[in-house]
Amino acid sequence: MKKIKSHLYCYIYILSSVVTIGAFIFANLTTISPTNYGGGNGNFGLLPFFFLFPFIIVFISMTISYMHEFMYRKLQKGTIRKIVAGSLLGMILIVSITLIRAIQLKSLLAEVNPIYHEETKIPLLSIYSNAVFFNFFTFTLLILLCLFISGIMAYKDKQKSSMSVF
């Protein structure tokens, strides 16, 4: 029974991984060029995130769970600290690059697109900015966030288990 349960968890994790990656790819592919003056029915690229949100949550929670289990069982506290620090630095780097690209896109939209007159009134999340926020780097940011959370959990559990030995 336990083997069936672990296989089921594995299939669910693979399915949610594929759905999450597919949602990121779909949002990235539905980006419109800033010089295209199309209007319309909102941000079509965000539909997978709304309708497939449970799969994304399952992907995040199972990734944190599997990474925590691996780090707790296989890695030393020093290695876990390095992983947590590296993932934090990676998250800061990706967030800053993404925000710089978003600000550059806002100023480009203010220059080229006649719909927008002031840079302050341009929304950050629009059909023009999907390629900025939903790409390989932001997916990597999601993985780094899971790695950071699971690393902190594993480090805390390792500390707790080493204190209980004494």
N, C-alpha and C. Protein backbone atom coordinates (compact mmCIF):
# COMPACT_ATOMS: atom_id res chain seq x y z
N MET A 1 0.82 -1.20 0.00
CA MET A 1 0.00 0.00 0.00
C MET A 1 0.86 1.26 0.00
N LYS A 2 1.98 1.21 0.75
CA LYS A 2 2.85 2.38 0.84
C LYS A 2 3.51 2.66 -0.52
N LYS A 3 3.81 1.61 -1.27
CA LYS A 3 4.43 1.78 -2.58
C LYS A 3 3.45 2.42 -3.55
N ILE A 4 2.19 2.03 -3.49
CA ILE A 4 1.17 2.62 -4.34
C ILE A 4 1.00 4.10 -4.01
N LYS A 5 1.03 4.40 -2.72
CA LYS A 5 0.88 5.78 -2.28
C LYS A 5 2.05 6.64 -2.77
N SER A 6 3.27 6.13 -2.69
CA SER A 6 4.42 6.90 -3.15
C SER A 6 4.39 7.07 -4.66
N HIS A 7 3.93 6.05 -5.39
CA HIS A 7 3.80 6.19 -6.86
C HIS A 7 2.73 7.22 -7.21
N LEU A 8 1.65 7.21 -6.46
CA LEU A 8 0.58 8.18 -6.69
C LEU A 8 1.09 9.61 -6.45
N TYR A 9 1.85 9.80 -5.36
CA TYR A 9 2.43 11.11 -5.09
C TYR A 9 3.39 11.54 -6.21
N CYS A 10 4.14 10.58 -6.70
CA CYS A 10 5.08 10.87 -7.79
C CYS A 10 4.34 11.29 -9.05
N TYR A 11 3.26 10.59 -9.40
CA TYR A 11 2.47 10.95 -10.58
C TYR A 11 1.81 12.33 -10.42
N ILE A 12 1.30 12.59 -9.23
CA ILE A 12 0.68 13.90 -8.98
C ILE A 12 1.73 15.00 -9.08
N TYR A 13 2.93 14.75 -8.55
CA TYR A 13 3.99 15.76 -8.62
C TYR A 13 4.41 16.00 -10.07
N ILE A 14 4.56 14.94 -10.84
CA ILE A 14 4.93 15.10 -12.25
C ILE A 14 3.86 15.85 -13.00
N LEU A 15 2.59 15.52 -12.78
CA LEU A 15 1.49 16.21 -13.44
C LEU A 15 1.47 17.69 -13.06
N SER A 16 1.61 17.99 -11.78
CA SER A 16 1.58 19.39 -11.37
C SER A 16 2.81 20.14 -11.88
N SER A 17 3.95 19.47 -12.01
CA SER A 17 5.14 20.10 -12.58
C SER A 17 4.92 20.46 -14.04
N VAL A 18 4.36 19.53 -14.79
CA VAL A 18 4.09 19.78 -16.21
C VAL A 18 3.08 20.92 -16.38
N VAL A 19 2.04 20.92 -15.56
CA VAL A 19 1.03 21.97 -15.64
C VAL A 19 1.62 23.34 -15.28
N THR A 20 2.45 23.38 -14.24
CA THR A 20 3.07 24.65 -13.83
C THR A 20 4.01 25.17 -14.91
N ILE A 21 4.84 24.30 -15.45
CA ILE A 21 5.75 24.72 -16.54
C ILE A 21 4.94 25.16 -17.75
N GLY A 22 3.88 24.44 -18.06
CA GLY A 22 3.01 24.81 -19.18
C GLY A 22 2.35 26.17 -18.99
N ALA A 23 1.95 26.47 -17.76
CA ALA A 23 1.34 27.78 -17.47
C ALA A 23 2.35 28.90 -17.68
N PHE A 24 3.58 28.69 -17.23
CA PHE A 24 4.62 29.70 -17.44
C PHE A 24 4.91 29.89 -18.93
N ILE A 25 5.00 28.79 -19.67
CA ILE A 25 5.27 28.88 -21.11
C ILE A 25 4.11 29.57 -21.83
N PHE A 26 2.89 29.22 -21.49
CA PHE A 26 1.72 29.83 -22.14
C PHE A 26 1.67 31.33 -21.88
N ALA A 27 1.93 31.74 -20.64
CA ALA A 27 1.92 33.17 -20.32
C ALA A 27 3.02 33.90 -21.06
N ASN A 28 4.17 33.26 -21.21
CA ASN A 28 5.27 33.89 -21.93
C ASN A 28 4.96 34.00 -23.42
N LEU A 29 4.33 32.99 -23.99
CA LEU A 29 4.04 32.99 -25.43
C LEU A 29 2.91 33.94 -25.81
N THR A 30 2.07 34.32 -24.88
CA THR A 30 0.95 35.21 -25.20
C THR A 30 1.29 36.69 -25.01
N THR A 31 2.56 37.00 -24.89
CA THR A 31 2.98 38.39 -24.75
C THR A 31 2.85 39.10 -26.09
N ILE A 32 2.34 40.32 -26.03
CA ILE A 32 2.20 41.14 -27.24
C ILE A 32 3.31 42.17 -27.25
N SER A 33 3.83 42.46 -28.40
CA SER A 33 4.89 43.46 -28.54
C SER A 33 4.37 44.83 -28.12
N PRO A 34 5.20 45.66 -27.49
CA PRO A 34 4.76 46.99 -27.07
C PRO A 34 4.34 47.90 -28.23
N THR A 35 4.82 47.61 -29.43
CA THR A 35 4.43 48.44 -30.58
C THR A 35 3.09 48.02 -31.17
N ASN A 36 2.55 46.90 -30.72
CA ASN A 36 1.24 46.45 -31.19
C ASN A 36 0.18 47.18 -30.37
N TYR A 37 -0.73 47.85 -31.05
CA TYR A 37 -1.71 48.68 -30.37
C TYR A 37 -3.03 47.97 -30.14
N GLY A 38 -3.00 46.67 -30.02
CA GLY A 38 -4.24 45.93 -29.84
C GLY A 38 -4.81 46.12 -28.45
N GLY A 39 -6.06 46.19 -28.38
CA GLY A 39 -6.75 46.24 -27.10
C GLY A 39 -7.51 44.95 -26.97
N GLY A 40 -8.40 44.91 -26.07
CA GLY A 40 -9.21 43.71 -26.09
C GLY A 40 -9.68 43.22 -24.76
N ASN A 41 -9.60 41.93 -24.63
CA ASN A 41 -10.28 41.25 -23.55
C ASN A 41 -9.38 40.92 -22.37
N GLY A 42 -8.45 41.74 -22.05
CA GLY A 42 -7.62 41.51 -20.88
C GLY A 42 -6.39 40.69 -21.18
N ASN A 43 -5.81 40.17 -20.13
CA ASN A 43 -4.55 39.43 -20.22
C ASN A 43 -4.84 37.94 -20.34
N PHE A 44 -4.88 37.48 -21.55
CA PHE A 44 -5.21 36.09 -21.85
C PHE A 44 -4.17 35.12 -21.28
N GLY A 45 -2.94 35.55 -21.14
CA GLY A 45 -1.87 34.68 -20.65
C GLY A 45 -1.99 34.30 -19.20
N LEU A 46 -2.80 35.03 -18.44
CA LEU A 46 -2.95 34.71 -17.02
C LEU A 46 -4.04 33.68 -16.74
N LEU A 47 -4.79 33.29 -17.74
CA LEU A 47 -5.87 32.31 -17.54
C LEU A 47 -5.40 31.00 -16.92
N PRO A 48 -4.26 30.43 -17.39
CA PRO A 48 -3.83 29.18 -16.74
C PRO A 48 -3.53 29.33 -15.26
N PHE A 49 -3.06 30.50 -14.86
CA PHE A 49 -2.75 30.69 -13.44
C PHE A 49 -4.01 30.76 -12.59
N PHE A 50 -5.10 31.23 -13.16
CA PHE A 50 -6.34 31.29 -12.41
C PHE A 50 -7.02 29.92 -12.34
N PHE A 51 -7.09 29.23 -13.48
CA PHE A 51 -7.82 27.97 -13.52
C PHE A 51 -7.00 26.78 -13.04
N LEU A 52 -5.69 26.86 -13.17
CA LEU A 52 -4.84 25.73 -12.77
C LEU A 52 -4.09 26.02 -11.47
N PHE A 53 -4.59 26.99 -10.71
CA PHE A 53 -3.94 27.39 -9.47
C PHE A 53 -3.76 26.23 -8.48
N PRO A 54 -4.73 25.31 -8.33
CA PRO A 54 -4.50 24.18 -7.41
C PRO A 54 -3.29 23.33 -7.79
N PHE A 55 -3.05 23.14 -9.09
CA PHE A 55 -1.88 22.37 -9.51
C PHE A 55 -0.58 23.10 -9.15
N ILE A 56 -0.60 24.41 -9.28
CA ILE A 56 0.59 25.19 -8.95
C ILE A 56 0.87 25.13 -7.45
N ILE A 57 -0.17 25.21 -6.64
CA ILE A 57 -0.01 25.09 -5.19
C ILE A 57 0.50 23.69 -4.82
N VAL A 58 -0.02 22.66 -5.47
CA VAL A 58 0.46 21.30 -5.22
C VAL A 58 1.94 21.18 -5.61
N PHE A 59 2.31 21.78 -6.74
CA PHE A 59 3.71 21.75 -7.17
C PHE A 59 4.61 22.42 -6.13
N ILE A 60 4.21 23.58 -5.65
CA ILE A 60 5.03 24.31 -4.68
C ILE A 60 5.14 23.52 -3.37
N SER A 61 4.02 23.03 -2.87
CA SER A 61 4.06 22.33 -1.57
C SER A 61 4.81 21.00 -1.67
N MET A 62 4.65 20.28 -2.75
CA MET A 62 5.37 19.01 -2.87
C MET A 62 6.85 19.23 -3.12
N THR A 63 7.20 20.31 -3.84
CA THR A 63 8.62 20.62 -4.04
C THR A 63 9.28 20.96 -2.71
N ILE A 64 8.60 21.75 -1.91
CA ILE A 64 9.13 22.08 -0.58
C ILE A 64 9.26 20.81 0.26
N SER A 65 8.26 19.95 0.21
CA SER A 65 8.28 18.73 1.00
C SER A 65 9.41 17.80 0.57
N TYR A 66 9.57 17.57 -0.73
CA TYR A 66 10.62 16.67 -1.21
C TYR A 66 12.01 17.24 -0.95
N MET A 67 12.19 18.55 -1.15
CA MET A 67 13.49 19.15 -0.90
C MET A 67 13.82 19.13 0.60
N HIS A 68 12.83 19.36 1.43
CA HIS A 68 13.05 19.32 2.88
C HIS A 68 13.48 17.92 3.30
N GLU A 69 12.79 16.94 2.81
CA GLU A 69 13.11 15.56 3.16
C GLU A 69 14.53 15.19 2.71
N PHE A 70 14.90 15.60 1.50
CA PHE A 70 16.24 15.30 1.00
C PHE A 70 17.30 16.01 1.83
N MET A 71 17.10 17.30 2.10
CA MET A 71 18.10 18.05 2.86
C MET A 71 18.24 17.53 4.29
N TYR A 72 17.12 17.20 4.89
CA TYR A 72 17.16 16.73 6.28
C TYR A 72 17.88 15.39 6.38
N ARG A 73 17.65 14.51 5.44
CA ARG A 73 18.23 13.17 5.53
C ARG A 73 19.67 13.10 5.02
N LYS A 74 20.00 13.89 3.99
CA LYS A 74 21.27 13.68 3.29
C LYS A 74 22.33 14.74 3.53
N LEU A 75 21.95 15.95 3.92
CA LEU A 75 22.92 17.04 3.97
C LEU A 75 23.26 17.45 5.40
N GLN A 76 24.45 17.99 5.55
CA GLN A 76 24.90 18.52 6.84
C GLN A 76 24.37 19.94 7.03
N LYS A 77 24.44 20.44 8.27
CA LYS A 77 23.92 21.78 8.56
C LYS A 77 24.68 22.87 7.79
N GLY A 78 25.98 22.72 7.65
CA GLY A 78 26.76 23.72 6.92
C GLY A 78 26.37 23.79 5.45
N THR A 79 26.13 22.65 4.85
CA THR A 79 25.70 22.62 3.45
C THR A 79 24.32 23.24 3.30
N ILE A 80 23.44 22.96 4.23
CA ILE A 80 22.09 23.53 4.18
C ILE A 80 22.17 25.05 4.30
N ARG A 81 23.05 25.54 5.18
CA ARG A 81 23.22 27.00 5.32
C ARG A 81 23.69 27.62 4.01
N LYS A 82 24.63 26.96 3.33
CA LYS A 82 25.12 27.47 2.05
C LYS A 82 24.02 27.47 1.00
N ILE A 83 23.20 26.43 0.99
CA ILE A 83 22.09 26.36 0.03
C ILE A 83 21.08 27.47 0.29
N VAL A 84 20.75 27.70 1.56
CA VAL A 84 19.80 28.76 1.91
C VAL A 84 20.35 30.12 1.51
N ALA A 85 21.63 30.37 1.78
CA ALA A 85 22.24 31.65 1.42
C ALA A 85 22.30 31.82 -0.09
N GLY A 86 22.67 30.77 -0.81
CA GLY A 86 22.73 30.84 -2.27
C GLY A 86 21.36 31.05 -2.89
N SER A 87 20.36 30.39 -2.35
CA SER A 87 19.01 30.58 -2.91
C SER A 87 18.49 31.97 -2.60
N LEU A 88 18.83 32.52 -1.43
CA LEU A 88 18.44 33.89 -1.10
C LEU A 88 19.11 34.89 -2.04
N LEU A 89 20.39 34.71 -2.29
CA LEU A 89 21.09 35.60 -3.23
C LEU A 89 20.52 35.47 -4.64
N GLY A 90 20.22 34.24 -5.06
CA GLY A 90 19.62 34.04 -6.37
C GLY A 90 18.25 34.70 -6.49
N MET A 91 17.45 34.60 -5.43
CA MET A 91 16.13 35.25 -5.44
C MET A 91 16.26 36.76 -5.53
N ILE A 92 17.19 37.33 -4.77
CA ILE A 92 17.39 38.79 -4.81
C ILE A 92 17.83 39.22 -6.20
N LEU A 93 18.73 38.46 -6.80
CA LEU A 93 19.22 38.78 -8.14
C LEU A 93 18.11 38.71 -9.18
N ILE A 94 17.31 37.66 -9.15
CA ILE A 94 16.24 37.51 -10.14
C ILE A 94 15.16 38.57 -9.94
N VAL A 95 14.80 38.86 -8.70
CA VAL A 95 13.78 39.89 -8.46
C VAL A 95 14.26 41.25 -8.92
N SER A 96 15.52 41.58 -8.66
CA SER A 96 16.02 42.89 -9.08
C SER A 96 16.11 42.99 -10.60
N ILE A 97 16.55 41.94 -11.27
CA ILE A 97 16.60 41.96 -12.74
C ILE A 97 15.20 42.06 -13.32
N THR A 98 14.25 41.34 -12.73
CA THR A 98 12.87 41.38 -13.22
C THR A 98 12.27 42.77 -13.04
N LEU A 99 12.51 43.40 -11.90
CA LEU A 99 11.98 44.75 -11.67
C LEU A 99 12.63 45.78 -12.60
N ILE A 100 13.93 45.64 -12.86
CA ILE A 100 14.59 46.54 -13.81
C ILE A 100 13.99 46.39 -15.20
N ARG A 101 13.77 45.14 -15.62
CA ARG A 101 13.16 44.90 -16.93
C ARG A 101 11.73 45.44 -16.99
N ALA A 102 11.00 45.33 -15.89
CA ALA A 102 9.62 45.84 -15.87
C ALA A 102 9.60 47.36 -15.96
N ILE A 103 10.52 48.02 -15.26
CA ILE A 103 10.58 49.48 -15.32
C ILE A 103 10.99 49.94 -16.72
N GLN A 104 11.92 49.23 -17.34
CA GLN A 104 12.31 49.55 -18.72
C GLN A 104 11.14 49.37 -19.68
N LEU A 105 10.35 48.32 -19.46
CA LEU A 105 9.18 48.09 -20.32
C LEU A 105 8.14 49.18 -20.12
N LYS A 106 7.94 49.63 -18.89
CA LYS A 106 6.99 50.72 -18.64
C LYS A 106 7.40 51.99 -19.37
N SER A 107 8.68 52.33 -19.35
CA SER A 107 9.11 53.54 -20.05
C SER A 107 9.03 53.36 -21.56
N LEU A 108 9.28 52.16 -22.05
CA LEU A 108 9.13 51.90 -23.49
C LEU A 108 7.67 52.01 -23.90
N LEU A 109 6.77 51.47 -23.09
CA LEU A 109 5.34 51.57 -23.39
C LEU A 109 4.87 53.03 -23.38
N ALA A 110 5.41 53.82 -22.48
CA ALA A 110 5.02 55.24 -22.43
C ALA A 110 5.49 55.98 -23.68
N GLU A 111 6.60 55.54 -24.25
CA GLU A 111 7.13 56.19 -25.45
C GLU A 111 6.40 55.76 -26.72
N VAL A 112 6.19 54.46 -26.89
CA VAL A 112 5.71 53.95 -28.17
C VAL A 112 4.22 53.72 -28.27
N ASN A 113 3.59 53.37 -27.19
CA ASN A 113 2.18 53.01 -27.26
C ASN A 113 1.31 54.23 -26.97
N PRO A 114 0.42 54.60 -27.90
CA PRO A 114 -0.39 55.80 -27.70
C PRO A 114 -1.49 55.63 -26.64
N ILE A 115 -1.74 54.42 -26.20
CA ILE A 115 -2.77 54.19 -25.20
C ILE A 115 -2.36 54.80 -23.86
N TYR A 116 -1.07 54.69 -23.55
CA TYR A 116 -0.56 55.14 -22.26
C TYR A 116 0.06 56.54 -22.41
N HIS A 117 -0.35 57.45 -21.54
CA HIS A 117 0.16 58.81 -21.61
C HIS A 117 1.16 59.09 -20.50
N GLU A 118 0.94 58.53 -19.33
CA GLU A 118 1.84 58.74 -18.20
C GLU A 118 2.41 57.41 -17.76
N GLU A 119 3.68 57.44 -17.41
CA GLU A 119 4.35 56.20 -17.00
C GLU A 119 3.81 55.66 -15.68
N THR A 120 3.30 56.53 -14.84
CA THR A 120 2.80 56.07 -13.54
C THR A 120 1.47 55.33 -13.66
N LYS A 121 0.75 55.53 -14.75
CA LYS A 121 -0.55 54.88 -14.91
C LYS A 121 -0.48 53.57 -15.68
N ILE A 122 0.71 53.15 -16.04
CA ILE A 122 0.88 51.90 -16.77
C ILE A 122 0.92 50.76 -15.76
N PRO A 123 0.05 49.77 -15.90
CA PRO A 123 0.07 48.65 -14.94
C PRO A 123 1.30 47.78 -15.15
N LEU A 124 1.83 47.27 -14.06
CA LEU A 124 3.00 46.40 -14.16
C LEU A 124 2.65 45.06 -14.79
N LEU A 125 1.49 44.53 -14.48
CA LEU A 125 1.10 43.24 -15.02
C LEU A 125 0.08 43.46 -16.12
N SER A 126 0.55 43.44 -17.35
CA SER A 126 -0.33 43.64 -18.50
C SER A 126 0.02 42.62 -19.57
N ILE A 127 -0.70 42.66 -20.66
CA ILE A 127 -0.45 41.72 -21.74
C ILE A 127 0.90 41.97 -22.41
N TYR A 128 1.46 43.15 -22.19
CA TYR A 128 2.77 43.48 -22.75
C TYR A 128 3.91 42.98 -21.86
N SER A 129 3.63 42.72 -20.61
CA SER A 129 4.70 42.38 -19.66
C SER A 129 4.74 40.91 -19.28
N ASN A 130 3.99 40.06 -19.93
CA ASN A 130 4.01 38.63 -19.58
C ASN A 130 5.40 38.03 -19.74
N ALA A 131 6.13 38.45 -20.78
CA ALA A 131 7.47 37.90 -21.01
C ALA A 131 8.45 38.32 -19.92
N VAL A 132 8.16 39.42 -19.23
CA VAL A 132 9.03 39.88 -18.14
C VAL A 132 8.77 39.06 -16.88
N PHE A 133 7.52 38.78 -16.59
CA PHE A 133 7.17 38.14 -15.32
C PHE A 133 6.99 36.63 -15.40
N PHE A 134 6.80 36.09 -16.56
CA PHE A 134 6.59 34.64 -16.69
C PHE A 134 7.58 34.08 -17.69
N ASN A 135 8.77 33.78 -17.21
CA ASN A 135 9.82 33.24 -18.07
C ASN A 135 10.63 32.23 -17.27
N PHE A 136 11.72 31.79 -17.85
CA PHE A 136 12.57 30.79 -17.21
C PHE A 136 13.11 31.30 -15.87
N PHE A 137 13.46 32.58 -15.81
CA PHE A 137 14.04 33.11 -14.58
C PHE A 137 13.03 33.20 -13.44
N THR A 138 11.80 33.55 -13.75
CA THR A 138 10.80 33.60 -12.67
C THR A 138 10.38 32.20 -12.24
N PHE A 139 10.44 31.23 -13.16
CA PHE A 139 10.22 29.85 -12.76
C PHE A 139 11.37 29.40 -11.85
N THR A 140 12.59 29.79 -12.20
CA THR A 140 13.74 29.50 -11.35
C THR A 140 13.58 30.18 -9.99
N LEU A 141 13.01 31.38 -9.98
CA LEU A 141 12.73 32.08 -8.73
C LEU A 141 11.78 31.26 -7.86
N LEU A 142 10.78 30.66 -8.48
CA LEU A 142 9.84 29.81 -7.74
C LEU A 142 10.56 28.61 -7.13
N ILE A 143 11.44 27.99 -7.90
CA ILE A 143 12.21 26.85 -7.40
C ILE A 143 13.15 27.29 -6.27
N LEU A 144 13.79 28.46 -6.45
CA LEU A 144 14.68 28.97 -5.40
C LEU A 144 13.91 29.29 -4.12
N LEU A 145 12.69 29.81 -4.27
CA LEU A 145 11.87 30.07 -3.10
C LEU A 145 11.55 28.77 -2.36
N CYS A 146 11.20 27.73 -3.11
CA CYS A 146 10.95 26.42 -2.49
C CYS A 146 12.21 25.89 -1.81
N LEU A 147 13.35 26.08 -2.46
CA LEU A 147 14.63 25.64 -1.90
C LEU A 147 14.95 26.40 -0.61
N PHE A 148 14.69 27.69 -0.61
CA PHE A 148 14.93 28.53 0.57
C PHE A 148 14.05 28.09 1.74
N ILE A 149 12.77 27.91 1.48
CA ILE A 149 11.84 27.52 2.55
C ILE A 149 12.18 26.13 3.09
N SER A 150 12.43 25.19 2.19
CA SER A 150 12.75 23.84 2.65
C SER A 150 14.11 23.80 3.36
N GLY A 151 15.05 24.63 2.92
CA GLY A 151 16.34 24.69 3.61
C GLY A 151 16.21 25.22 5.02
N ILE A 152 15.41 26.26 5.19
CA ILE A 152 15.19 26.79 6.54
C ILE A 152 14.49 25.75 7.42
N MET A 153 13.52 25.05 6.85
CA MET A 153 12.82 24.01 7.63
C MET A 153 13.78 22.88 8.00
N ALA A 154 14.61 22.44 7.05
CA ALA A 154 15.55 21.34 7.33
C ALA A 154 16.60 21.78 8.35
N TYR A 155 17.08 23.01 8.24
CA TYR A 155 18.07 23.50 9.20
C TYR A 155 17.48 23.56 10.61
N LYS A 156 16.25 24.04 10.69
CA LYS A 156 15.57 24.11 11.99
C LYS A 156 15.37 22.71 12.57
N ASP A 157 14.97 21.76 11.73
CA ASP A 157 14.77 20.39 12.20
C ASP A 157 16.09 19.74 12.61
N LYS A 158 17.17 20.02 11.87
CA LYS A 158 18.48 19.48 12.23
C LYS A 158 18.94 20.03 13.57
N GLN A 159 18.70 21.33 13.80
CA GLN A 159 19.07 21.93 15.08
C GLN A 159 18.27 21.31 16.22
N LYS A 160 16.98 21.12 15.96
CA LYS A 160 16.12 20.56 16.99
C LYS A 160 16.53 19.12 17.32
N SER A 161 16.89 18.34 16.29
CA SER A 161 17.27 16.95 16.54
C SER A 161 18.65 16.87 17.21
N SER A 162 19.54 17.80 16.92
CA SER A 162 20.86 17.77 17.58
C SER A 162 20.76 18.22 19.03
N MET A 163 19.81 19.08 19.35
CA MET A 163 19.62 19.50 20.73
C MET A 163 18.95 18.41 21.56
N SER A 164 18.11 17.62 20.95
CA SER A 164 17.42 16.57 21.70
C SER A 164 18.34 15.41 22.04
N VAL A 165 19.48 15.30 21.36
CA VAL A 165 20.43 14.23 21.63
C VAL A 165 21.08 14.45 22.99
N PHE A 166 21.34 15.69 23.35
CA PHE A 166 22.01 16.00 24.61
C PHE A 166 21.10 15.88 25.74
